[in-house]
Amino acid sequence: MSSVEYGSIQTQCADLIKTLDDAKKLKPSDLIFVIGEKGAGKLTMAQHIQNSIFKNQLVPLVRRIEDFNPNWKHGIYTASEDQWTFIEHKLEGVQYTLIEMPTLAERKCDIPALAEFFLQVLSLMNDKPKLKLTEKALEKILQYNWPGQFYELESVLENAFSMSENGLIEPEHLVMGPLPAEIDIPVGMKLEDLERKYILQTLYFVHQNRTRAAEILGISIRTLRNKINLYRVEGYL
């Protein structure tokens, strides 16, 4: 089975591989919309196009589709499928490229690699040895359809990580179920802990490339460097 490097994994999803191949033909002057369900990886795709394909060329990435201006002839926009239905009519006569992100259920072959990535991040953040999914635990996550997309997978694995005691994640550690509509982070988490988690995940995602991490985070390299130095002193790195 063929695979292509995407984000922090080698994706084996045929539809996603085709999308990535087609994306190589895009130009910075194009108007691009990346749509999909909440948590399906729209921002990851938009950042891949902006940073890996367009590289250092100035192409705006707009996460609020409500800010779309029909007079803008280029840029990368992300939108949910519901948001797209309200904006599509404004594009009559406008040339654009539409990228539809597959759901996690449609990327079942990528779930083992994604789970391994999330567990690596959790181990790094908590200064613990890497945990492994047992064969039956892996079967369980592959049989589930993940309506909450990546947010739900990460949340389930984070909960399982805290429950595991012997370096292995067993099926009983994987608690699936409905997610709150708008809560993607643990309730009660301190702001500084949330910030650290996001920064460390971003650094891992870009393979420690501080310049790219600073761009994604929207902070200066100096600020990022100071954060990293602080995390080293506190023992997180």
Protein backbone atom coordinates (compact mmCIF):
# COMPACT_ATOMS: atom_id res chain seq x y z
CA MET A 1 0.00 0.00 0.00
CA SER A 2 1.41 3.41 -0.99
CA SER A 3 1.84 6.18 1.54
CA VAL A 4 2.71 9.88 1.53
CA GLU A 5 4.17 12.02 4.32
CA TYR A 6 1.50 14.36 5.65
CA GLY A 7 1.63 16.20 8.94
CA SER A 8 3.41 13.89 11.34
CA ILE A 9 2.40 10.57 9.78
CA GLN A 10 2.64 8.63 6.55
CA THR A 11 -0.96 8.70 5.28
CA GLN A 12 -2.26 5.64 3.45
CA CYS A 13 -5.70 7.10 2.70
CA ALA A 14 -6.12 6.92 -1.09
CA ASP A 15 -8.49 9.91 -1.28
CA LEU A 16 -6.17 12.04 0.85
CA ILE A 17 -3.12 11.02 -1.18
CA LYS A 18 -4.93 12.10 -4.36
CA THR A 19 -5.88 15.40 -2.72
CA LEU A 20 -2.26 16.02 -1.71
CA ASP A 21 -1.09 15.20 -5.23
CA ASP A 22 -3.66 17.59 -6.75
CA ALA A 23 -2.66 20.28 -4.22
CA LYS A 24 0.85 20.36 -5.70
CA LYS A 25 -0.67 21.98 -8.79
CA LEU A 26 -2.13 24.88 -6.81
CA LYS A 27 -0.69 28.37 -7.21
CA PRO A 28 -0.40 31.17 -4.63
CA SER A 29 -2.75 33.23 -6.80
CA ASP A 30 -5.55 30.64 -6.42
CA LEU A 31 -8.65 30.98 -4.27
CA ILE A 32 -8.84 27.82 -2.16
CA PHE A 33 -11.52 26.51 0.21
CA VAL A 34 -10.85 23.58 2.55
CA ILE A 35 -14.10 22.20 3.94
CA GLY A 36 -15.09 19.28 6.15
CA GLU A 37 -16.57 18.28 9.48
CA LYS A 38 -15.34 19.88 12.68
CA GLY A 39 -12.11 18.20 13.72
CA ALA A 40 -11.50 16.53 10.34
CA GLY A 41 -8.16 18.28 9.84
CA LYS A 42 -9.09 21.30 7.73
CA LEU A 43 -6.48 23.55 9.34
CA THR A 44 -3.77 20.90 8.96
CA MET A 45 -4.46 20.72 5.22
CA ALA A 46 -4.58 24.52 4.89
CA GLN A 47 -1.24 24.85 6.71
CA HIS A 48 0.25 22.08 4.56
CA ILE A 49 -0.68 24.02 1.43
CA GLN A 50 0.54 27.31 2.88
CA ASN A 51 3.84 26.05 4.32
CA SER A 52 4.83 22.98 2.32
CA ILE A 53 3.54 23.86 -1.15
CA PHE A 54 3.58 27.66 -1.25
CA LYS A 55 6.51 27.79 1.19
CA ASN A 56 7.58 31.39 1.89
CA GLN A 57 5.15 33.07 -0.51
CA LEU A 58 2.65 35.36 1.16
CA VAL A 59 -0.73 33.63 0.96
CA PRO A 60 -3.37 34.54 3.58
CA LEU A 61 -4.93 31.71 5.59
CA VAL A 62 -8.36 32.70 6.89
CA ARG A 63 -10.08 30.51 9.51
CA ARG A 64 -13.23 32.65 9.75
CA ILE A 65 -15.25 31.98 6.61
CA GLU A 66 -17.55 34.81 7.70
CA ASP A 67 -14.71 37.17 6.77
CA PHE A 68 -14.77 36.06 3.12
CA ASN A 69 -14.77 38.93 0.67
CA PRO A 70 -15.88 38.04 -2.90
CA ASN A 71 -13.43 40.66 -4.19
CA TRP A 72 -10.46 38.71 -2.81
CA LYS A 73 -9.12 36.58 -5.63
CA HIS A 74 -6.68 34.44 -3.65
CA GLY A 75 -6.16 32.93 -0.22
CA ILE A 76 -6.87 29.74 1.73
CA TYR A 77 -10.14 29.49 3.66
CA THR A 78 -11.33 26.77 6.03
CA ALA A 79 -15.02 26.11 6.62
CA SER A 80 -17.36 23.49 8.03
CA GLU A 81 -19.80 21.89 5.62
CA ASP A 82 -22.64 23.93 7.15
CA GLN A 83 -20.69 27.17 6.74
CA TRP A 84 -19.93 26.27 3.14
CA THR A 85 -23.63 26.10 2.25
CA PHE A 86 -23.97 29.77 3.27
CA ILE A 87 -20.94 30.99 1.34
CA GLU A 88 -21.16 28.95 -1.87
CA HIS A 89 -23.80 31.18 -3.46
CA LYS A 90 -21.42 34.17 -3.20
CA LEU A 91 -18.99 32.44 -5.54
CA GLU A 92 -21.05 32.53 -8.73
CA GLY A 93 -18.71 33.43 -11.57
CA VAL A 94 -15.64 33.14 -9.30
CA GLN A 95 -12.97 30.56 -10.06
CA TYR A 96 -11.89 28.59 -7.00
CA THR A 97 -10.58 25.22 -5.84
CA LEU A 98 -12.57 23.18 -3.33
CA ILE A 99 -10.84 20.61 -1.11
CA GLU A 100 -13.11 18.31 0.89
CA MET A 101 -11.46 16.62 3.87
CA PRO A 102 -12.32 12.96 4.51
CA THR A 103 -13.70 12.06 7.92
CA LEU A 104 -11.70 9.96 10.34
CA ALA A 105 -14.07 7.06 9.57
CA GLU A 106 -12.93 7.36 5.95
CA ARG A 107 -9.28 7.32 7.06
CA LYS A 108 -9.38 4.07 9.05
CA CYS A 109 -6.02 2.98 7.61
CA ASP A 110 -4.41 6.11 9.14
CA ILE A 111 -5.82 5.59 12.65
CA PRO A 112 -2.96 3.36 13.95
CA ALA A 113 -0.35 5.96 12.93
CA LEU A 114 -2.44 8.84 14.31
CA ALA A 115 -2.94 7.01 17.61
CA GLU A 116 0.80 6.36 17.85
CA PHE A 117 1.50 10.05 17.19
CA PHE A 118 -0.94 11.21 19.89
CA LEU A 119 0.54 8.75 22.39
CA GLN A 120 4.06 10.00 21.60
CA VAL A 121 2.92 13.57 22.28
CA LEU A 122 1.29 12.53 25.57
CA SER A 123 4.46 10.70 26.65
CA LEU A 124 6.57 13.75 25.81
CA MET A 125 4.26 16.12 27.67
CA ASN A 126 4.03 13.94 30.76
CA ASP A 127 7.66 12.79 30.77
CA LYS A 128 6.62 9.14 30.72
CA PRO A 129 7.68 6.15 28.58
CA LYS A 130 5.69 5.69 25.40
CA LEU A 131 2.55 3.59 25.84
CA LYS A 132 1.42 0.94 23.38
CA LEU A 133 -2.04 -0.14 22.31
CA THR A 134 -2.69 -3.85 22.71
CA GLU A 135 -3.97 -5.72 19.66
CA LYS A 136 -7.52 -5.79 21.04
CA ALA A 137 -7.37 -2.07 21.91
CA LEU A 138 -6.30 -1.31 18.34
CA GLU A 139 -9.19 -3.42 17.05
CA LYS A 140 -11.57 -1.40 19.21
CA ILE A 141 -10.47 1.99 17.88
CA LEU A 142 -10.58 0.68 14.30
CA GLN A 143 -14.16 -0.56 14.73
CA TYR A 144 -15.39 2.81 16.05
CA ASN A 145 -16.54 5.52 13.60
CA TRP A 146 -15.23 8.55 15.54
CA PRO A 147 -18.05 11.09 15.04
CA GLY A 148 -15.98 13.59 17.03
CA GLN A 149 -13.10 13.21 14.55
CA PHE A 150 -9.54 13.95 15.71
CA TYR A 151 -10.71 15.77 18.84
CA GLU A 152 -12.47 12.64 20.05
CA LEU A 153 -9.58 10.31 19.22
CA GLU A 154 -7.15 12.54 21.09
CA SER A 155 -9.52 12.88 24.07
CA VAL A 156 -10.10 9.11 24.30
CA LEU A 157 -6.37 8.37 24.12
CA GLU A 158 -5.57 11.06 26.69
CA ASN A 159 -8.06 9.48 29.08
CA ALA A 160 -6.65 6.00 28.38
CA PHE A 161 -3.12 7.31 28.94
CA SER A 162 -4.06 8.41 32.46
CA MET A 163 -5.69 5.04 33.23
CA SER A 164 -2.87 2.77 32.02
CA GLU A 165 -0.54 1.40 34.70
CA ASN A 166 1.65 -1.16 32.93
CA GLY A 167 2.73 0.61 29.75
CA LEU A 168 -0.14 -0.89 27.75
CA ILE A 169 -3.51 0.52 26.77
CA GLU A 170 -6.21 -2.14 27.01
CA PRO A 171 -9.72 -2.05 25.50
CA GLU A 172 -11.27 -1.17 28.88
CA HIS A 173 -9.15 2.00 28.97
CA LEU A 174 -10.80 3.26 25.77
CA VAL A 175 -14.04 4.99 26.73
CA MET A 176 -15.94 6.19 23.68
CA GLY A 177 -19.15 8.16 23.74
CA PRO A 178 -20.84 11.47 22.89
CA LEU A 179 -18.69 14.58 23.22
CA PRO A 180 -19.92 17.96 24.50
CA ALA A 181 -20.77 20.10 21.49
CA GLU A 182 -18.23 22.86 22.04
CA ILE A 183 -15.69 21.52 24.56
CA ASP A 184 -12.51 20.13 23.04
CA ILE A 185 -10.24 20.53 26.08
CA PRO A 186 -10.50 19.09 29.59
CA VAL A 187 -12.63 21.25 31.88
CA GLY A 188 -10.55 22.78 34.66
CA MET A 189 -7.24 22.74 32.80
CA LYS A 190 -5.15 25.79 33.74
CA LEU A 191 -4.49 28.27 30.94
CA GLU A 192 -0.71 27.87 31.28
CA ASP A 193 -1.07 24.07 30.99
CA LEU A 194 -3.25 24.43 27.91
CA GLU A 195 -0.74 26.82 26.34
CA ARG A 196 2.16 24.46 27.07
CA LYS A 197 0.25 21.51 25.63
CA TYR A 198 -0.53 23.40 22.41
CA ILE A 199 3.03 24.67 21.97
CA LEU A 200 4.60 21.23 22.56
CA GLN A 201 2.14 19.56 20.20
CA THR A 202 2.88 22.15 17.52
CA LEU A 203 6.64 21.68 17.92
CA TYR A 204 6.22 17.93 17.60
CA PHE A 205 3.96 18.37 14.56
CA VAL A 206 6.59 20.43 12.69
CA HIS A 207 9.49 18.19 13.81
CA GLN A 208 10.96 20.89 16.11
CA ASN A 209 11.14 23.50 13.32
CA ARG A 210 10.85 26.63 15.47
CA THR A 211 10.25 29.00 12.56
CA ARG A 212 7.26 26.99 11.33
CA ALA A 213 5.99 26.50 14.87
CA ALA A 214 6.10 30.24 15.56
CA GLU A 215 4.20 30.93 12.32
CA ILE A 216 1.47 28.40 13.19
CA LEU A 217 1.21 29.67 16.77
CA GLY A 218 1.15 33.31 15.68
CA ILE A 219 3.99 34.35 17.99
CA SER A 220 7.54 35.59 17.46
CA ILE A 221 10.48 33.19 17.42
CA ARG A 222 11.88 35.05 20.43
CA THR A 223 8.68 34.40 22.41
CA LEU A 224 8.73 30.75 21.39
CA ARG A 225 12.38 30.44 22.40
CA ASN A 226 11.60 31.91 25.83
CA LYS A 227 8.72 29.44 26.27
CA ILE A 228 10.97 26.50 25.33
CA ASN A 229 13.65 27.63 27.79
CA LEU A 230 11.00 27.88 30.51
CA TYR A 231 9.70 24.38 29.75
CA ARG A 232 13.25 23.03 30.00
CA VAL A 233 13.71 24.62 33.42
CA GLU A 234 10.34 23.19 34.54
CA GLY A 235 11.34 19.73 33.29
CA TYR A 236 8.92 19.38 30.39
CA LEU A 237 11.73 19.19 27.81
